[in-house]
Protein backbone atom coordinates (compact mmCIF):
# COMPACT_ATOMS: atom_id res chain seq x y z
CA MET A 1 86.80 88.11 186.13
CA VAL A 2 90.25 85.41 184.97
CA GLU A 3 89.14 82.96 182.54
CA ALA A 4 88.89 79.38 184.06
CA ILE A 5 91.08 76.79 183.52
CA ASP A 6 90.33 73.95 181.17
CA MET A 7 90.07 71.17 183.57
CA SER A 8 88.62 68.97 181.05
CA ASN A 9 91.79 67.56 179.89
CA ALA A 10 93.48 66.72 182.77
CA THR A 11 95.17 64.20 183.86
CA LEU A 12 95.39 63.39 188.48
CA VAL A 13 98.73 62.59 189.18
CA MET A 14 99.11 63.41 192.88
CA SER A 15 97.23 64.59 196.33
CA GLY A 16 97.52 64.36 199.57
CA GLU A 17 97.05 65.58 203.52
CA LEU A 18 98.27 69.04 204.33
CA GLN A 19 98.57 68.11 207.57
CA GLU A 20 101.12 65.16 206.23
CA PHE A 21 102.12 67.59 203.74
CA SER A 22 103.64 70.97 203.39
CA LEU A 23 102.26 72.75 200.66
CA ALA A 24 105.67 74.60 199.63
CA ASP A 25 107.33 70.75 199.56
CA VAL A 26 104.44 70.26 196.95
CA LEU A 27 104.49 73.37 194.60
CA GLN A 28 108.64 72.89 194.75
CA VAL A 29 108.03 69.29 193.16
CA VAL A 30 105.84 70.20 190.91
CA GLY A 31 107.87 73.71 190.09
CA LEU A 32 110.52 71.24 188.92
CA SER A 33 108.66 69.93 185.95
CA ARG A 34 108.35 71.76 182.41
CA GLN A 35 104.85 70.28 181.82
CA SER A 36 101.68 72.89 182.70
CA THR A 37 100.59 71.31 186.29
CA VAL A 38 97.89 72.73 188.71
CA VAL A 39 97.69 72.40 192.36
CA GLU A 40 94.47 73.15 194.37
CA VAL A 41 94.27 73.52 197.70
CA ARG A 42 90.91 72.30 199.10
CA ARG A 43 88.77 73.05 202.52
CA ASP A 44 88.20 69.97 205.29
CA GLY A 45 84.05 69.91 204.11
CA GLY A 46 86.31 69.54 200.17
CA SER A 47 85.29 73.36 199.14
CA SER A 48 88.17 75.43 197.30
CA LEU A 49 90.34 77.30 199.03
CA GLY A 50 92.38 78.01 195.73
CA THR A 51 94.39 77.22 192.85
CA ALA A 52 97.71 77.91 191.12
CA TRP A 53 98.80 77.16 187.67
CA ILE A 54 102.65 76.36 187.37
CA LYS A 55 105.06 75.65 184.35
CA SER A 56 108.77 75.38 184.32
CA GLY A 57 109.64 77.40 187.00
CA ARG A 58 106.71 80.09 187.50
CA VAL A 59 103.81 80.81 188.56
CA ILE A 60 101.46 81.51 185.51
CA ARG A 61 98.51 82.44 187.04
CA ALA A 62 96.38 82.40 190.85
CA GLN A 63 92.89 81.62 191.57
CA SER A 64 90.75 82.16 195.09
CA GLN A 65 87.48 82.67 194.26
CA ASP A 66 86.72 86.33 193.71
CA VAL A 67 90.58 86.80 194.45
CA SER A 68 93.19 86.25 191.73
CA GLY A 69 97.18 87.19 191.14
CA ARG A 70 99.87 87.33 193.67
CA PRO A 71 97.14 87.80 196.69
CA ALA A 72 95.49 84.42 195.49
CA PHE A 73 99.07 82.34 195.73
CA HIS A 74 99.26 83.85 199.18
CA ARG A 75 96.20 82.47 200.56
CA LEU A 76 97.14 78.71 199.14
CA PHE A 77 98.54 79.24 202.54
CA ASP A 78 95.79 80.57 204.81
CA PRO A 79 95.54 77.64 207.73
CA ASN A 80 92.25 76.32 206.95
CA GLY A 81 94.22 74.74 203.89
CA HIS A 82 93.55 71.11 204.48
CA ARG A 83 94.43 68.38 200.78
CA PHE A 84 96.01 69.36 197.67
CA ILE A 85 95.16 67.84 194.22
CA VAL A 86 97.57 67.81 191.68
CA HIS A 87 96.43 67.71 187.77
CA ARG A 88 98.37 67.74 185.21
CA VAL A 89 97.18 70.28 182.32
CA PRO A 90 97.72 70.34 178.88
CA ASP A 91 99.46 73.74 177.26
CA PRO A 92 97.35 76.13 175.94
CA PRO A 93 98.00 77.99 172.53
CA SER A 94 99.29 81.37 174.44
CA TYR A 95 100.34 81.81 178.08
CA PRO A 96 100.11 85.54 180.10
CA ALA A 97 102.21 87.32 181.55
CA PRO A 98 103.74 84.42 184.58
CA LEU A 99 103.06 86.40 187.90
CA GLY A 100 106.05 85.82 188.68
CA LEU A 101 109.15 83.03 190.07
CA LEU A 102 108.37 79.97 192.38
CA THR A 103 110.88 80.46 194.33
CA SER A 104 109.94 84.24 194.83
CA LEU A 105 106.39 84.12 195.24
CA LEU A 106 107.33 80.67 197.85
CA ALA A 107 109.76 82.75 199.68
CA ASP A 108 107.01 85.88 199.91
CA ALA A 109 104.41 83.79 200.71
CA LEU A 110 105.78 81.13 203.42
CA ALA A 111 106.97 84.81 205.10
CA ARG A 112 103.48 86.27 205.24
CA ALA A 113 102.12 82.51 206.89
CA SER A 114 105.13 83.34 209.63
CA ARG A 115 104.53 86.54 210.31
CA ALA A 116 100.45 85.99 210.72
CA GLU A 117 101.28 83.10 212.88
CA ALA A 118 103.76 85.00 215.03
CA ALA A 119 101.31 88.00 215.42
CA PRO A 120 99.26 88.22 218.71
CA THR A 121 95.74 86.94 219.12
CA HIS A 122 92.85 88.84 220.94
CA PRO A 123 91.96 86.44 224.00
CA THR A 124 88.69 84.54 222.43
CA THR A 125 90.46 83.79 219.48
CA THR A 126 91.45 80.24 218.44
CA THR A 127 95.03 80.37 215.99
CA THR A 128 95.81 77.65 213.69
CA THR A 129 99.51 76.17 213.59
CA ILE A 130 101.01 75.72 210.08
CA THR A 131 102.72 72.62 209.96
CA THR A 132 105.03 72.40 207.45
CA THR A 133 107.58 68.90 206.62
CA THR A 134 111.26 68.42 205.63
CA THR A 135 111.91 69.68 201.83
CA THR A 136 113.11 67.06 200.03
CA ALA A 137 113.56 68.77 196.88
CA ALA A 138 115.68 72.12 196.22
CA PRO A 139 114.70 74.17 199.27
CA VAL A 140 113.66 77.85 198.71
CA ALA A 141 113.16 78.82 202.67
CA THR A 142 113.36 78.43 205.43
CA ARG A 143 110.82 76.67 207.51
CA PRO A 144 108.59 79.07 209.63
CA ARG A 145 109.56 79.36 213.02
CA GLY A 146 107.01 77.91 215.81
CA THR A 147 105.41 75.48 213.46
CA GLY A 148 105.25 71.66 215.30
CA PRO A 149 107.40 68.83 214.82
CA ILE A 150 108.78 66.92 211.57
CA GLU A 151 106.97 64.70 209.94
CA ALA A 152 107.12 62.05 207.29
CA PRO A 153 105.35 62.59 203.50
CA VAL A 154 103.09 60.62 202.53
CA VAL A 155 101.58 61.29 199.76
CA ARG A 156 99.10 58.94 197.06
CA LEU A 157 100.69 58.60 193.68
CA VAL A 158 97.70 58.19 191.14
CA GLU A 159 97.71 55.98 187.42
CA PRO A 160 98.85 58.25 184.63
CA ALA A 161 96.09 57.94 181.57
CA ARG A 162 95.86 55.44 179.74
CA LEU A 163 97.79 55.53 176.46
CA PRO A 164 97.20 53.68 172.74
CA VAL A 165 99.89 50.60 172.02
CA THR A 166 101.39 51.33 169.02
CA PRO A 167 104.71 48.45 168.62
CA GLU A 168 107.29 49.35 166.40
CA PRO A 169 107.66 46.90 162.99
CA GLY A 170 109.63 44.71 163.05
CA ARG A 171 110.37 44.56 166.65
CA ASP A 172 110.61 41.02 168.28
CA GLY A 173 109.44 40.97 171.45
CA GLY A 174 110.42 44.48 174.30
CA VAL A 175 111.72 47.21 173.58
CA VAL A 176 115.26 47.96 174.82
CA VAL A 177 116.15 51.31 176.31
CA ALA A 178 120.30 52.02 177.49
CA ILE A 179 121.03 54.59 180.35
CA ALA A 180 124.60 56.20 179.65
CA SER A 181 125.83 59.11 180.14
CA PRO A 182 128.74 60.97 178.78
CA LYS A 183 130.96 61.15 181.86
CA GLY A 184 130.63 58.94 185.34
CA GLY A 185 129.36 60.36 188.34
CA VAL A 186 125.48 61.41 187.32
CA GLY A 187 123.66 59.26 189.18
CA LYS A 188 123.00 56.51 185.76
CA THR A 189 122.44 53.79 187.95
CA THR A 190 119.84 56.11 190.74
CA VAL A 191 117.46 56.49 187.39
CA THR A 192 117.30 53.52 185.99
CA LEU A 193 116.22 51.58 189.35
CA ASN A 194 113.96 54.94 190.45
CA LEU A 195 112.80 54.71 187.11
CA ALA A 196 112.00 50.52 186.54
CA VAL A 197 110.49 50.75 189.54
CA ALA A 198 108.14 53.35 188.27
CA LEU A 199 107.33 51.58 185.07
CA ALA A 200 106.68 48.33 187.72
CA SER A 201 103.98 50.47 189.49
CA ARG A 202 102.21 51.32 186.45
CA GLY A 203 102.06 46.90 185.41
CA ILE A 204 104.47 47.56 182.55
CA LYS A 205 106.51 44.08 182.76
CA THR A 206 110.27 45.67 183.28
CA LEU A 207 113.18 43.91 183.36
CA VAL A 208 117.14 45.89 184.57
CA ILE A 209 120.25 44.29 183.04
CA ASP A 210 122.97 45.59 184.92
CA ALA A 211 125.95 46.39 182.51
CA ASP A 212 127.71 48.37 184.75
CA ILE A 213 130.43 46.10 186.54
CA ASN A 214 132.06 49.45 188.55
CA GLY A 215 128.80 51.47 189.95
CA ASP A 216 126.17 48.76 190.01
CA LEU A 217 123.09 48.59 191.06
CA LEU A 218 123.84 45.43 193.84
CA SER A 219 125.69 47.87 196.01
CA LEU A 220 122.87 50.62 195.30
CA LEU A 221 120.26 48.30 196.73
CA ALA A 222 123.33 46.42 199.20
CA ALA A 223 122.57 43.19 197.79
CA ARG A 224 125.99 42.17 197.19
CA ASP A 225 125.99 38.81 199.74
CA ARG A 226 122.64 37.46 197.38
CA VAL A 227 124.32 36.76 194.38
CA GLN A 228 126.70 34.77 193.02
CA ARG A 229 126.65 35.44 189.16
CA GLY A 230 125.46 38.29 186.78
CA THR A 231 125.25 39.30 183.17
CA TYR A 232 128.99 39.54 183.29
CA ASP A 233 129.04 35.35 183.87
CA ILE A 234 126.88 34.38 180.57
CA LEU A 235 127.98 36.77 178.28
CA GLY A 236 129.14 35.65 175.05
CA ARG A 237 128.34 31.91 176.25
CA PRO A 238 126.53 29.89 173.24
CA ASP A 239 123.84 28.53 175.85
CA VAL A 240 123.34 32.88 176.49
CA ASP A 241 119.24 31.61 176.38
CA ALA A 242 119.18 28.89 179.49
CA ALA A 243 121.76 30.42 180.88
CA PHE A 244 119.72 33.85 181.06
CA ALA A 245 117.41 31.85 184.01
CA ASP A 246 120.25 31.66 186.13
CA VAL A 247 120.70 34.85 186.60
CA VAL A 248 117.38 36.90 186.03
CA ARG A 249 116.58 38.29 190.59
CA ASN A 250 113.15 38.64 191.18
CA THR A 251 111.75 41.51 192.99
CA ALA A 252 108.34 41.96 195.71
CA ALA A 253 107.13 43.33 192.52
CA ALA A 254 106.03 40.92 189.93
CA THR A 255 106.73 43.38 187.13
CA LEU A 256 110.17 44.32 187.70
CA ARG A 257 113.18 41.86 187.50
CA ILE A 258 116.84 42.41 187.46
CA VAL A 259 119.88 40.89 186.26
CA PRO A 260 122.73 41.98 189.12
CA ALA A 261 125.95 42.69 186.58
CA SER A 262 128.27 40.01 188.48
CA GLY A 263 127.89 38.76 191.79
CA ASP A 264 130.91 39.19 194.29
CA ALA A 265 133.44 37.47 193.10
CA PRO A 266 134.70 39.85 189.49
CA PRO A 267 134.23 38.14 185.77
CA ALA A 268 136.20 35.81 184.38
CA GLY A 269 138.03 37.31 181.09
CA GLY A 270 137.65 41.21 182.52
CA ALA A 271 134.49 43.32 181.44
CA ARG A 272 134.88 43.99 178.22
CA ARG A 273 132.88 41.71 175.79
CA SER A 274 131.78 41.88 172.22
CA SER A 275 129.50 43.81 170.23
CA ALA A 276 127.80 40.15 169.51
CA ALA A 277 127.34 38.53 172.83
CA TRP A 278 125.79 42.46 173.54
CA LYS A 279 123.74 41.35 170.71
CA ALA A 280 122.35 38.10 171.55
CA LEU A 281 121.88 38.27 175.40
CA LEU A 282 119.55 41.47 175.23
CA SER A 283 117.50 39.72 171.97
CA ARG A 284 116.77 37.47 174.61
CA ALA A 285 116.34 39.46 177.15
CA ARG A 286 113.61 41.63 175.12
CA ARG A 287 111.72 38.64 175.32
CA GLU A 288 110.76 38.61 179.03
CA ALA A 289 109.34 42.33 179.23
CA THR A 290 107.84 45.14 177.77
CA VAL A 291 110.80 47.44 178.39
CA VAL A 292 114.08 46.38 178.92
CA LEU A 293 116.35 48.67 180.93
CA VAL A 294 119.88 48.72 180.37
CA ASP A 295 122.34 50.52 183.22
CA CYS A 296 125.31 51.30 180.99
CA PRO A 297 129.24 51.84 181.88
CA ALA A 298 129.96 55.42 182.66
CA GLY A 299 131.57 56.41 178.99
CA MET A 300 130.01 56.67 175.50
CA TYR A 301 133.11 54.42 173.73
CA ASP A 302 134.27 51.07 173.94
CA GLY A 303 132.25 49.00 176.51
CA THR A 304 129.45 51.50 176.75
CA ALA A 305 129.27 50.96 172.52
CA ASP A 306 129.15 47.59 172.53
CA VAL A 307 126.35 47.42 174.87
CA LEU A 308 124.59 50.01 172.66
CA ALA A 309 125.09 47.26 170.08
CA GLY A 310 122.61 45.49 171.07
CA CYS A 311 119.96 48.45 171.94
CA ASP A 312 116.74 49.74 170.42
CA HIS A 313 116.85 53.88 172.32
CA VAL A 314 119.51 55.22 174.53
CA VAL A 315 118.25 57.70 177.17
CA GLY A 316 121.05 60.20 178.38
CA VAL A 317 122.19 61.50 181.58
CA VAL A 318 123.51 64.40 182.11
CA GLN A 319 124.01 66.11 185.72
CA SER A 320 123.10 69.40 186.04
CA GLU A 321 126.59 71.21 186.75
CA MET A 322 129.16 73.09 184.73
CA ILE A 323 131.80 70.80 183.72
CA ALA A 324 128.32 68.39 182.25
CA GLY A 325 126.35 71.94 180.90
CA ARG A 326 129.75 72.43 178.34
CA SER A 327 129.87 68.74 177.44
CA VAL A 328 126.60 67.76 176.72
CA GLY A 329 127.05 67.78 172.99
CA HIS A 330 129.88 64.78 173.03
CA LEU A 331 126.29 62.29 174.04
CA SER A 332 125.26 63.22 170.60
CA ARG A 333 128.62 63.81 168.81
CA SER A 334 129.46 59.86 170.42
CA LEU A 335 125.91 58.86 169.27
CA ASP A 336 126.66 59.83 165.71
CA ALA A 337 130.10 58.16 165.55
CA LEU A 338 128.87 54.63 165.93
CA PRO A 339 127.53 52.65 162.96
CA ASP A 340 124.82 53.02 161.60
CA ASP A 341 123.68 49.03 162.40
CA ALA A 342 124.74 49.82 165.61
CA ARG A 343 123.28 52.98 166.16
CA PRO A 344 120.31 53.15 169.01
CA ASN A 345 117.89 56.12 168.33
CA LEU A 346 118.47 58.47 171.09
CA LEU A 347 114.46 59.17 173.54
CA GLY A 348 115.55 61.72 175.31
CA VAL A 349 117.89 63.61 178.01
CA VAL A 350 117.41 63.41 181.66
CA VAL A 351 119.03 66.57 183.35
CA ASN A 352 119.38 64.98 186.73
CA MET A 353 121.00 66.34 190.45
CA PHE A 354 119.41 69.75 189.43
CA HIS A 355 120.24 72.61 191.80
CA GLY A 356 117.49 75.20 191.49
CA ARG A 357 119.36 77.70 194.29
CA SER A 358 122.69 77.08 192.91
CA LEU A 359 123.62 79.20 190.02
CA PRO A 360 126.03 77.44 188.58
CA SER A 361 123.16 74.78 188.17
CA VAL A 362 120.38 76.48 186.46
CA GLU A 363 123.73 77.90 184.46
CA ALA A 364 124.21 74.12 183.82
CA PHE A 365 120.71 73.36 182.30
CA HIS A 366 120.34 76.18 180.43
CA ALA A 367 123.48 75.45 178.82
CA ILE A 368 121.56 71.51 178.59
CA ALA A 369 118.87 72.89 176.93
CA SER A 370 120.29 75.32 174.52
CA ASP A 371 122.46 72.05 172.96
CA ARG A 372 121.39 70.26 170.37
CA VAL A 373 119.85 66.87 172.83
CA GLY A 374 117.67 70.29 174.31
CA ALA A 375 115.30 69.10 171.79
CA VAL A 376 114.77 65.64 173.27
CA LEU A 377 114.95 66.81 177.00
CA PHE A 378 112.73 65.23 178.66
CA GLU A 379 109.94 67.44 180.57
CA THR A 380 111.06 65.77 184.21
CA PRO A 381 114.74 66.94 185.51
CA ILE A 382 115.15 65.28 188.75
CA PRO A 383 116.12 67.83 191.66
CA ARG A 384 118.90 66.86 194.25
CA SER A 385 117.57 65.37 197.58
CA ASP A 386 118.55 63.69 200.63
CA ALA A 387 116.09 61.66 199.73
CA PHE A 388 118.36 59.47 197.60
CA GLY A 389 121.10 59.11 200.71
CA ALA A 390 118.61 57.66 203.11
CA ALA A 391 117.20 55.59 200.46
CA SER A 392 120.45 54.40 199.45
CA ARG A 393 121.29 54.09 203.13
CA ALA A 394 117.87 52.04 203.15
CA GLY A 395 119.17 49.73 200.49
CA LEU A 396 115.68 50.54 198.17
CA PRO A 397 114.33 52.11 195.94
CA LEU A 398 112.93 56.21 197.05
CA ARG A 399 109.27 54.66 196.50
CA LEU A 400 110.09 51.49 199.40
CA ALA A 401 112.76 53.65 201.08
CA ASP A 402 110.13 54.25 203.88
CA ALA A 403 107.35 51.94 204.35
CA HIS A 404 105.19 53.12 206.96
CA SER A 405 105.63 56.88 206.05
CA GLY A 406 105.09 55.80 202.12
CA PRO A 407 107.12 57.28 199.07
CA SER A 408 109.26 60.43 198.94
CA PRO A 409 108.18 62.79 197.30
CA VAL A 410 110.51 63.18 194.58
CA ALA A 411 109.33 59.64 193.90
CA TRP A 412 106.51 61.19 191.97
CA LEU A 413 109.17 62.83 189.47
CA PHE A 414 110.11 59.21 188.69
CA ASP A 415 106.64 58.73 188.07
CA MET A 416 106.26 61.78 185.52
CA LEU A 417 109.36 60.63 184.05
CA ALA A 418 108.27 57.07 183.68
CA GLU A 419 104.71 58.30 181.80
CA GLU A 420 107.35 60.33 179.86
CA LEU A 421 108.44 57.56 178.22
CA CYS A 422 105.31 55.66 177.75
CA GLN A 423 104.59 58.55 175.54
CA ARG A 424 107.46 58.29 173.32
CA LEU A 425 107.62 54.66 173.23
CA ARG A 426 103.78 54.43 172.47
CA ILE A 427 103.68 52.08 175.83
CA ALA A 428 100.61 51.69 177.18
CA PRO A 429 100.22 51.50 181.37
CA ALA A 430 98.53 48.44 182.39
CA ALA A 431 96.61 48.03 185.89
CA HIS A 432 98.92 50.00 188.95
CA GLY A 433 99.98 47.98 191.25
CA ALA A 434 101.41 48.33 194.81
CA VAL A 435 105.47 47.39 195.34
CA ASP A 436 105.66 46.76 199.17
CA ARG A 437 109.38 45.42 199.17
CA PHE A 438 112.13 45.49 196.27
CA LEU A 439 115.54 42.11 195.68
CA LEU A 440 114.06 39.30 196.67
């Protein structure tokens, strides 16, 4: 008999119908997190078909009634499965030997399901077709032949457990968090936008300051023609306090606002501003929100160093590729080189564009985890996914890219990342609120 999983401190984070969402998709997204996660599959009547415990891309255990181990994991893909429920659970003091890599067990389970579907049946027997959807996380196996039409997934995102509020001593207003990276092209702007939406969906008053005039938020949102002025148009002005209100843009979420980098015309005098100018602007911004996210320019010196001087914390974003794995130490070294009064705390590092089927990407991830910054890695890496391209084409965050079918499952990862950020900042989520549109 396998000991039952302790669910007394479990947090519900995700649930949905398997007619609308592939179980393989659910498991792949869950497997990207280093947090201990329990996935339960239930029948139409509500009884449990089976449960799997997953952590860091490995299946730790599986249980289905009186069956355990790999056979129990395979049973999760029984066509009688109707609904999935995902909980996050605290890590136990010790772990049993895992059943194996999630990728291997998934490939085996899908192959078995495909063979069972293709097998001839007795004339009086009714067969049930397993319907899968387009994989939005890193795929591990092809879709079984003979399945029904591909449908968009529908996911219900659940408000996480509330956390105690512990304001930092001496801080006037909200906390300012820079999103920075030693190199460009790692997805800082995408991470900033989707993290901000995830925070706002928890009722947390959030403000995004765009400090990257090259890879700016307006381009990501296809909204450049709707903005005339932004951050760089008021930086350094003596009346920055009054001018601030002129550049803040509302979104459909009452708890989320954005200050673009600039309007359609380049700012007068170029993009470089002094650290004093940034300190004044960000001091004004912290009075507007609980969390201020600042999308920094590429690199860690010059303009970025000026921005960091006005920030409380920095979240590093590194791409899961070889060049990033070899140069990730530059993030901490560049922060160490800043003056004491202009150095934000390294709150954590997000691994972006992770590709579980790419050996170089996996090796890069291990190199990042082995570096000094590995001690502050967020538990939630963000995968490469076509969902980002589709959202960019629509000019929307992931959560809002398809208002009819619901958010991409990758959006759930940003919810998990937002929860980790709240835990590290000791900020309590407020009431959950829906976000239907974006920039107004």
